[in-house]
Amino acid sequence: MPAFKTAIKIIFRYPLFIGLYLVGFALIGVMIAQAVGSGSPAVFSEARPTVAVIDRDGSVLSRGYESYLESRGTAVSVADDRRSLQDAAAQDYADYIAIIPSGYGAAFAKAVKDGSALPQIQTVFSFDDVTAQLTDQISTEYLQTVRTLLLSGESADDAASQAYTLASERAEYSVEDLSAGASNLSRTYYYFTFAAYALTAALISMTALILTSFNSGPLRARNLAAPVRPTRFSLQIAAACLLLIVLAIAVVGAGGFLPMVGASGLLATPGKLGLLVADMAVYSLTPLALGFVFGQAGMSLSATNAAANVISLALCFLSGVFTVGIELTGVVAQIAHFLPTYWYIALIHDLEAGTGTTSSVLTQLGIQALTAAIIFALRPVYQWGRFLLVKLGQPSASAR
């Protein structure tokens, strides 16, 4: 079986493919499983910055301003001297410091009456602190509310009181943890879900590498002249490609048994383990078929690698590999049902949850196999298209 042996030599002549696409992505899957699988549910908590107000005015407006800021944060006391203010800012003792100058209330009322610009309150905060920036915005909103109320004829006391009430109103909200569906999923589940990326990228690139090598000028001419039937030659290439699937499943699948991933219900029984291997094997037929297409098209090595990564990313993104536990909806869900990666993940989910039935397993495996069969069946179309491109690129007899 010279063609078979040559194909295997071609693969091992490029150890970077095995190291990067199989081992490298398998290790990335392990890290993702550790990070995501051990996460805790998200909890919402309102940001409350530490606030210090230095009131040098003592007016109704300044007292209302101070009360409002302290209601939106945690009040801290800072002495009204230069050193204390510098220490508070330098040591992050207070996230937001407001200094109200003497006569501010009267100046504010006069500015409202004259329609001129409002006097400024001196503030000290870090622009890198998001909560401090938010505090600065709400303090400005409070002062604008007071201005509006004064223009409507309210007294200073009523304007400060009503502005406090209006600015303190909050919109009702509820927190929905979209990752709640993923809280009971194991690290092993996350790992084998991400394995779709590794299998897709590796098999497309490695299969295309074999086909491209055999379709190169000198080697192709030598194979055509060799006393080997085309059918037998094709079977040897097919056997080498199937061996690639075995190699990919062995390397990627081994990561699921690592202690840091942690064996779960997916690997609990021989039956589930067998279905998991079958799922990976049937899914691998699709990237294998795509690799055949790229190999027959004669794409360069760099172009093949780029296409493999783009296709892997697109399939995994649209099928929910990167949003595990969040249900796909809308147009994305409709597109996902036509992709083999979606059904690969669906079978893994059923194995993890123990909800799979014979009918569902056969459907999931069948759709994956059908996708690969369609790509293989269209192979003559690709070859005919390549023939036309070559034919159109040759000069005509009259031109010569």
Protein backbone atom coordinates (compact mmCIF):
# COMPACT_ATOMS: atom_id res chain seq x y z
CA MET A 1 0.00 0.00 0.00
CA PRO A 2 2.48 2.65 -1.14
CA ALA A 3 -0.09 5.43 -1.45
CA PHE A 4 -1.32 4.80 2.10
CA LYS A 5 2.20 4.88 3.51
CA THR A 6 3.05 8.01 1.54
CA ALA A 7 -0.03 9.77 2.87
CA ILE A 8 0.94 8.95 6.46
CA LYS A 9 4.48 10.20 5.83
CA ILE A 10 3.10 13.46 4.49
CA ILE A 11 1.17 14.06 7.70
CA PHE A 12 4.09 13.33 10.01
CA ARG A 13 6.33 15.47 7.85
CA TYR A 14 4.31 18.41 9.18
CA PRO A 15 4.25 17.85 12.95
CA LEU A 16 3.06 21.43 13.44
CA PHE A 17 -0.39 20.38 12.22
CA ILE A 18 -0.69 17.70 14.87
CA GLY A 19 0.90 19.85 17.56
CA LEU A 20 -1.14 22.98 16.87
CA TYR A 21 -4.52 21.75 15.72
CA LEU A 22 -4.85 18.63 17.85
CA VAL A 23 -2.67 18.98 20.95
CA GLY A 24 -2.79 22.79 21.05
CA PHE A 25 -6.55 23.13 20.68
CA ALA A 26 -7.10 20.20 23.04
CA LEU A 27 -5.15 22.08 25.73
CA ILE A 28 -7.18 25.21 25.02
CA GLY A 29 -10.31 23.11 25.50
CA VAL A 30 -8.98 21.93 28.86
CA MET A 31 -8.41 25.52 29.98
CA ILE A 32 -11.87 26.57 28.81
CA ALA A 33 -13.44 23.64 30.66
CA GLN A 34 -11.64 24.64 33.84
CA ALA A 35 -12.57 28.31 33.56
CA VAL A 36 -16.19 27.98 32.46
CA GLY A 37 -17.13 24.76 34.14
CA SER A 38 -16.07 26.00 37.58
CA GLY A 39 -17.76 29.39 37.35
CA SER A 40 -20.34 30.60 39.87
CA PRO A 41 -23.72 32.13 38.98
CA ALA A 42 -23.64 35.84 38.31
CA VAL A 43 -24.99 38.08 41.08
CA PHE A 44 -25.96 41.69 40.49
CA SER A 45 -24.91 44.26 43.07
CA GLU A 46 -25.26 48.02 42.74
CA ALA A 47 -22.01 49.96 42.64
CA ARG A 48 -21.82 52.34 45.60
CA PRO A 49 -18.74 54.58 45.51
CA THR A 50 -17.28 56.21 48.59
CA VAL A 51 -18.28 59.89 48.57
CA ALA A 52 -16.92 62.86 50.54
CA VAL A 53 -18.65 66.26 50.40
CA ILE A 54 -16.93 69.37 51.76
CA ASP A 55 -19.74 71.90 52.34
CA ARG A 56 -18.32 75.41 52.72
CA ASP A 57 -21.64 77.03 51.91
CA GLY A 58 -24.22 75.59 54.31
CA SER A 59 -27.16 76.64 52.13
CA VAL A 60 -30.33 74.66 51.52
CA LEU A 61 -29.05 73.70 48.07
CA SER A 62 -25.65 72.50 49.33
CA ARG A 63 -27.24 70.44 52.11
CA GLY A 64 -29.64 68.83 49.63
CA TYR A 65 -26.77 68.13 47.24
CA GLU A 66 -24.76 66.48 50.03
CA SER A 67 -27.72 64.36 51.17
CA TYR A 68 -28.40 63.18 47.65
CA LEU A 69 -24.79 62.15 46.94
CA GLU A 70 -24.52 60.31 50.24
CA SER A 71 -27.73 58.40 49.42
CA ARG A 72 -26.17 57.15 46.19
CA GLY A 73 -22.87 56.09 47.74
CA THR A 74 -21.08 55.46 51.00
CA ALA A 75 -20.34 58.68 52.88
CA VAL A 76 -16.84 59.13 54.30
CA SER A 77 -15.56 62.02 56.37
CA VAL A 78 -12.65 64.11 55.11
CA ALA A 79 -11.30 67.12 56.96
CA ASP A 80 -11.50 70.43 55.14
CA ASP A 81 -7.82 71.11 54.85
CA ARG A 82 -5.37 70.82 51.99
CA ARG A 83 -3.36 67.87 53.35
CA SER A 84 -6.43 65.77 54.19
CA LEU A 85 -7.91 66.35 50.74
CA GLN A 86 -4.64 65.40 49.06
CA ASP A 87 -4.34 62.24 51.16
CA ALA A 88 -7.94 61.24 50.43
CA ALA A 89 -7.36 61.57 46.69
CA ALA A 90 -3.91 59.96 46.63
CA GLN A 91 -4.82 57.00 48.88
CA ASP A 92 -8.21 56.35 47.24
CA TYR A 93 -9.92 56.96 50.56
CA ALA A 94 -12.82 58.53 48.67
CA ASP A 95 -13.80 57.67 45.09
CA TYR A 96 -15.52 61.03 44.62
CA ILE A 97 -14.81 64.28 46.45
CA ALA A 98 -17.05 67.33 45.98
CA ILE A 99 -16.12 70.73 47.37
CA ILE A 100 -18.99 73.24 47.52
CA PRO A 101 -17.59 76.79 47.71
CA SER A 102 -18.95 79.45 50.01
CA GLY A 103 -21.86 81.38 48.54
CA TYR A 104 -22.71 78.62 46.07
CA GLY A 105 -26.44 78.54 46.89
CA ALA A 106 -26.87 82.26 46.28
CA ALA A 107 -24.76 82.17 43.13
CA PHE A 108 -26.81 79.21 41.85
CA ALA A 109 -30.12 81.03 42.42
CA LYS A 110 -28.80 84.17 40.72
CA ALA A 111 -27.57 82.19 37.70
CA VAL A 112 -30.99 80.56 37.33
CA LYS A 113 -32.73 83.93 37.54
CA ASP A 114 -30.37 85.58 35.03
CA GLY A 115 -30.30 82.57 32.71
CA SER A 116 -26.53 82.39 32.85
CA ALA A 117 -24.23 79.37 33.32
CA LEU A 118 -24.50 77.58 36.65
CA PRO A 119 -21.58 77.92 39.07
CA GLN A 120 -19.27 74.91 39.29
CA ILE A 121 -18.68 72.55 42.19
CA GLN A 122 -15.05 71.50 42.47
CA THR A 123 -14.74 67.71 42.17
CA VAL A 124 -11.86 65.29 42.52
CA PHE A 125 -12.14 61.78 41.09
CA SER A 126 -10.31 59.38 38.82
CA PHE A 127 -11.43 59.13 35.19
CA ASP A 128 -10.46 55.45 35.29
CA ASP A 129 -13.10 54.81 37.96
CA VAL A 130 -16.43 54.07 36.27
CA THR A 131 -18.47 54.42 39.47
CA ALA A 132 -16.92 57.84 40.12
CA GLN A 133 -17.79 58.97 36.60
CA LEU A 134 -21.36 57.79 37.16
CA THR A 135 -21.49 59.74 40.43
CA ASP A 136 -20.37 62.87 38.62
CA GLN A 137 -23.15 62.41 36.06
CA ILE A 138 -25.91 61.92 38.62
CA SER A 139 -24.72 64.91 40.65
CA THR A 140 -25.01 67.05 37.52
CA GLU A 141 -28.50 65.66 36.89
CA TYR A 142 -29.51 66.59 40.45
CA LEU A 143 -28.38 70.19 39.99
CA GLN A 144 -30.17 70.41 36.64
CA THR A 145 -33.35 69.15 38.29
CA VAL A 146 -33.05 71.85 40.98
CA ARG A 147 -32.58 74.45 38.25
CA THR A 148 -35.73 73.31 36.45
CA LEU A 149 -37.78 73.44 39.65
CA LEU A 150 -36.52 76.91 40.49
CA LEU A 151 -37.50 78.10 37.02
CA SER A 152 -41.00 76.73 37.59
CA GLY A 153 -41.39 78.99 40.62
CA GLU A 154 -40.54 76.62 43.47
CA SER A 155 -38.73 77.92 46.52
CA ALA A 156 -35.17 76.84 47.29
CA ASP A 157 -36.35 74.47 50.06
CA ASP A 158 -39.05 72.87 47.91
CA ALA A 159 -36.74 72.64 44.87
CA ALA A 160 -34.03 70.86 46.86
CA SER A 161 -36.55 68.48 48.45
CA GLN A 162 -38.39 67.66 45.23
CA ALA A 163 -35.14 67.26 43.30
CA TYR A 164 -33.99 64.73 45.90
CA THR A 165 -37.24 62.78 45.51
CA LEU A 166 -37.22 62.90 41.72
CA ALA A 167 -33.54 62.02 41.35
CA SER A 168 -33.88 59.13 43.81
CA GLU A 169 -36.51 57.35 41.73
CA ARG A 170 -35.26 54.08 40.29
CA ALA A 171 -36.45 52.01 37.41
CA GLU A 172 -37.62 48.53 38.29
CA TYR A 173 -35.37 45.78 37.04
CA SER A 174 -34.94 42.06 37.26
CA VAL A 175 -31.85 39.95 36.83
CA GLU A 176 -32.03 36.93 34.56
CA ASP A 177 -29.03 34.64 34.70
CA LEU A 178 -28.68 33.36 31.13
CA SER A 179 -25.97 30.97 32.26
CA ALA A 180 -28.27 29.22 34.71
CA GLY A 181 -28.84 26.45 32.21
CA ALA A 182 -25.12 25.81 32.16
CA SER A 183 -24.63 25.64 35.94
CA ASN A 184 -25.25 21.89 36.06
CA LEU A 185 -23.05 21.08 33.07
CA SER A 186 -19.75 19.36 33.74
CA ARG A 187 -16.28 20.37 32.66
CA THR A 188 -16.18 17.31 30.45
CA TYR A 189 -19.23 18.61 28.59
CA TYR A 190 -17.56 21.95 27.96
CA TYR A 191 -14.40 20.22 26.79
CA PHE A 192 -16.03 17.95 24.23
CA THR A 193 -18.21 20.80 22.99
CA PHE A 194 -15.14 22.89 22.20
CA ALA A 195 -13.55 19.79 20.65
CA ALA A 196 -15.67 20.52 17.58
CA TYR A 197 -13.34 23.40 16.76
CA ALA A 198 -10.22 21.25 17.07
CA LEU A 199 -11.68 18.42 14.99
CA THR A 200 -12.90 20.74 12.25
CA ALA A 201 -9.73 22.78 11.87
CA ALA A 202 -7.40 19.78 12.15
CA LEU A 203 -9.17 17.47 9.72
CA ILE A 204 -9.79 20.12 7.07
CA SER A 205 -6.14 21.17 7.08
CA MET A 206 -4.60 17.69 7.31
CA THR A 207 -6.89 16.12 4.70
CA ALA A 208 -6.31 18.99 2.29
CA LEU A 209 -2.56 18.62 2.87
CA ILE A 210 -2.65 14.99 1.72
CA LEU A 211 -4.79 15.69 -1.35
CA THR A 212 -2.80 18.77 -2.34
CA SER A 213 0.45 16.81 -2.10
CA PHE A 214 -0.84 13.98 -4.27
CA ASN A 215 -2.28 16.42 -6.81
CA SER A 216 0.99 18.30 -7.24
CA GLY A 217 2.51 18.08 -10.73
CA PRO A 218 5.40 15.57 -10.42
CA LEU A 219 3.71 13.29 -7.88
CA ARG A 220 0.43 13.27 -9.79
CA ALA A 221 2.20 12.30 -13.04
CA ARG A 222 4.06 9.51 -11.24
CA ASN A 223 0.83 8.14 -9.71
CA LEU A 224 -0.95 8.17 -13.05
CA ALA A 225 1.91 6.21 -14.61
CA ALA A 226 2.08 3.69 -11.74
CA PRO A 227 0.58 0.20 -12.31
CA VAL A 228 -2.10 0.76 -9.65
CA ARG A 229 -5.78 0.81 -10.40
CA PRO A 230 -7.45 4.20 -9.69
CA THR A 231 -9.98 2.52 -7.42
CA ARG A 232 -7.29 0.89 -5.32
CA PHE A 233 -5.31 4.12 -5.20
CA SER A 234 -8.40 6.06 -4.03
CA LEU A 235 -9.14 3.46 -1.36
CA GLN A 236 -5.62 3.81 0.03
CA ILE A 237 -6.01 7.60 0.24
CA ALA A 238 -9.41 7.12 1.88
CA ALA A 239 -7.90 4.71 4.41
CA ALA A 240 -5.20 7.25 5.28
CA CYS A 241 -7.85 9.93 5.78
CA LEU A 242 -9.91 7.64 8.00
CA LEU A 243 -6.78 7.01 10.02
CA LEU A 244 -6.59 10.77 10.48
CA ILE A 245 -10.03 10.64 12.09
CA VAL A 246 -8.86 7.93 14.48
CA LEU A 247 -5.78 9.97 15.34
CA ALA A 248 -7.83 13.14 15.90
CA ILE A 249 -10.37 11.38 18.12
CA ALA A 250 -7.62 9.67 20.11
CA VAL A 251 -5.69 12.89 20.78
CA VAL A 252 -8.70 15.15 21.38
CA GLY A 253 -10.65 12.49 23.25
CA ALA A 254 -7.74 11.82 25.59
CA GLY A 255 -8.15 15.33 26.99
CA GLY A 256 -11.54 14.38 28.39
CA PHE A 257 -9.87 11.92 30.76
CA LEU A 258 -7.42 14.41 32.22
CA PRO A 259 -7.91 15.01 35.98
CA MET A 260 -8.32 18.78 35.51
CA VAL A 261 -11.26 18.19 33.17
CA GLY A 262 -12.84 15.63 35.46
CA ALA A 263 -14.73 12.64 34.14
CA SER A 264 -18.51 13.10 34.31
CA GLY A 265 -21.65 11.29 33.25
CA LEU A 266 -20.42 11.52 29.66
CA LEU A 267 -17.76 8.92 30.40
CA ALA A 268 -19.59 7.05 33.16
CA THR A 269 -20.61 3.96 31.19
CA PRO A 270 -19.22 2.14 28.15
CA GLY A 271 -22.46 2.85 26.31
CA LYS A 272 -22.20 6.62 26.72
CA LEU A 273 -18.50 6.54 25.91
CA GLY A 274 -19.23 4.57 22.75
CA LEU A 275 -21.91 7.06 21.65
CA LEU A 276 -19.54 9.95 22.35
CA VAL A 277 -16.85 8.36 20.17
CA ALA A 278 -19.44 7.66 17.48
CA ASP A 279 -20.59 11.27 17.64
CA MET A 280 -17.03 12.53 17.17
CA ALA A 281 -16.37 10.03 14.37
CA VAL A 282 -19.52 10.88 12.38
CA TYR A 283 -19.01 14.60 12.86
CA SER A 284 -15.41 14.26 11.65
CA LEU A 285 -16.68 13.12 8.25
CA THR A 286 -17.82 16.67 7.44
CA PRO A 287 -14.42 18.38 7.89
CA LEU A 288 -12.89 15.39 6.12
CA ALA A 289 -15.18 16.04 3.14
CA LEU A 290 -14.34 19.74 3.20
CA GLY A 291 -10.66 18.84 3.24
CA PHE A 292 -11.22 16.74 0.12
CA VAL A 293 -12.82 19.75 -1.58
CA PHE A 294 -9.92 22.06 -0.75
CA GLY A 295 -7.40 19.41 -1.72
CA GLN A 296 -9.04 18.83 -5.08
CA ALA A 297 -9.19 22.59 -5.64
CA GLY A 298 -5.41 22.75 -5.34
CA MET A 299 -5.44 25.48 -2.67
CA SER A 300 -2.12 26.51 -1.17
CA LEU A 301 -1.17 25.47 2.36
CA SER A 302 -1.67 28.94 3.83
CA ALA A 303 -5.02 29.40 2.08
CA THR A 304 -6.19 26.01 3.35
CA ASN A 305 -5.22 26.84 6.93
CA ALA A 306 -7.00 30.17 6.73
CA ALA A 307 -10.14 28.57 5.30
CA ALA A 308 -10.05 25.81 7.94
CA ASN A 309 -9.97 28.31 10.80
CA VAL A 310 -12.65 30.55 9.31
CA ILE A 311 -14.99 27.61 8.70
CA SER A 312 -14.30 26.19 12.17
CA LEU A 313 -15.02 29.52 13.80
CA ALA A 314 -18.21 30.07 11.80
CA LEU A 315 -19.59 26.58 12.47
CA CYS A 316 -18.81 26.74 16.18
CA PHE A 317 -20.13 30.28 16.61
CA LEU A 318 -23.42 29.66 14.82
CA SER A 319 -23.93 26.33 16.59
CA GLY A 320 -23.49 27.71 20.11
CA VAL A 321 -20.07 26.31 21.00
CA PHE A 322 -19.05 29.65 22.50
CA THR A 323 -22.41 30.23 24.24
CA VAL A 324 -22.85 26.93 26.03
CA GLY A 325 -25.95 26.84 28.23
CA ILE A 326 -27.65 29.74 26.42
CA GLU A 327 -30.45 28.69 24.10
CA LEU A 328 -30.10 29.81 20.51
CA THR A 329 -33.01 31.88 19.24
CA GLY A 330 -34.21 33.64 16.11
CA VAL A 331 -32.39 33.42 12.81
CA VAL A 332 -29.27 31.97 14.44
CA ALA A 333 -31.28 29.00 15.74
CA GLN A 334 -32.77 28.41 12.29
CA ILE A 335 -29.34 28.46 10.66
CA ALA A 336 -27.84 26.23 13.35
CA HIS A 337 -30.28 23.41 12.59
CA PHE A 338 -28.67 23.04 9.15
CA LEU A 339 -25.15 22.70 10.57
CA PRO A 340 -23.58 19.39 11.66
CA THR A 341 -21.87 21.07 14.62
CA TYR A 342 -25.25 21.86 16.17
CA TRP A 343 -26.29 18.20 16.11
CA TYR A 344 -22.87 17.14 17.39
CA ILE A 345 -23.39 19.35 20.44
CA ALA A 346 -27.02 18.26 20.82
CA LEU A 347 -25.99 14.62 21.15
CA ILE A 348 -23.34 15.50 23.74
CA HIS A 349 -25.95 17.47 25.70
CA ASP A 350 -28.35 14.53 25.67
CA LEU A 351 -25.61 12.21 26.88
CA GLU A 352 -24.71 14.62 29.68
CA ALA A 353 -28.33 15.10 30.77
CA GLY A 354 -29.32 11.47 30.20
CA THR A 355 -32.28 12.52 28.03
CA GLY A 356 -31.26 10.92 24.76
CA THR A 357 -33.46 8.34 23.06
CA THR A 358 -32.70 5.91 20.27
CA SER A 359 -34.68 8.07 17.85
CA SER A 360 -32.92 11.30 18.83
CA VAL A 361 -29.46 9.72 18.68
CA LEU A 362 -30.11 8.27 15.23
CA THR A 363 -31.46 11.63 14.04
CA GLN A 364 -28.45 13.54 15.33
CA LEU A 365 -25.95 11.11 13.86
CA GLY A 366 -27.92 10.82 10.63
CA ILE A 367 -27.99 14.56 9.96
CA GLN A 368 -24.24 14.79 10.52
CA ALA A 369 -23.59 11.89 8.17
CA LEU A 370 -25.99 13.34 5.59
CA THR A 371 -24.09 16.64 5.58
CA ALA A 372 -20.82 14.85 4.86
CA ALA A 373 -22.47 12.72 2.18
CA ILE A 374 -23.82 15.81 0.40
CA ILE A 375 -20.36 17.41 0.33
CA PHE A 376 -18.80 14.17 -0.97
CA ALA A 377 -21.58 13.78 -3.57
CA LEU A 378 -20.86 17.23 -4.97
CA ARG A 379 -17.22 16.29 -5.54
CA PRO A 380 -17.71 15.80 -9.33
CA VAL A 381 -19.09 19.34 -9.50
CA TYR A 382 -15.92 20.71 -7.90
CA GLN A 383 -13.74 18.67 -10.25
CA TRP A 384 -15.72 19.82 -13.28
CA GLY A 385 -15.43 23.43 -12.14
CA ARG A 386 -11.69 23.06 -11.72
CA PHE A 387 -11.45 21.52 -15.19
CA LEU A 388 -13.31 24.47 -16.69
CA LEU A 389 -11.07 26.97 -14.90
CA VAL A 390 -7.96 25.21 -16.22
CA LYS A 391 -9.47 25.01 -19.69
CA LEU A 392 -10.39 28.68 -19.74
CA GLY A 393 -6.92 29.61 -18.58
CA GLN A 394 -5.22 27.87 -21.50
CA PRO A 395 -4.63 29.87 -24.72
CA SER A 396 -6.65 28.76 -27.71
CA ALA A 397 -5.08 27.11 -30.78
CA SER A 398 -5.77 30.15 -32.93
CA ALA A 399 -4.01 32.37 -30.39
CA ARG A 400 -0.96 30.14 -30.49
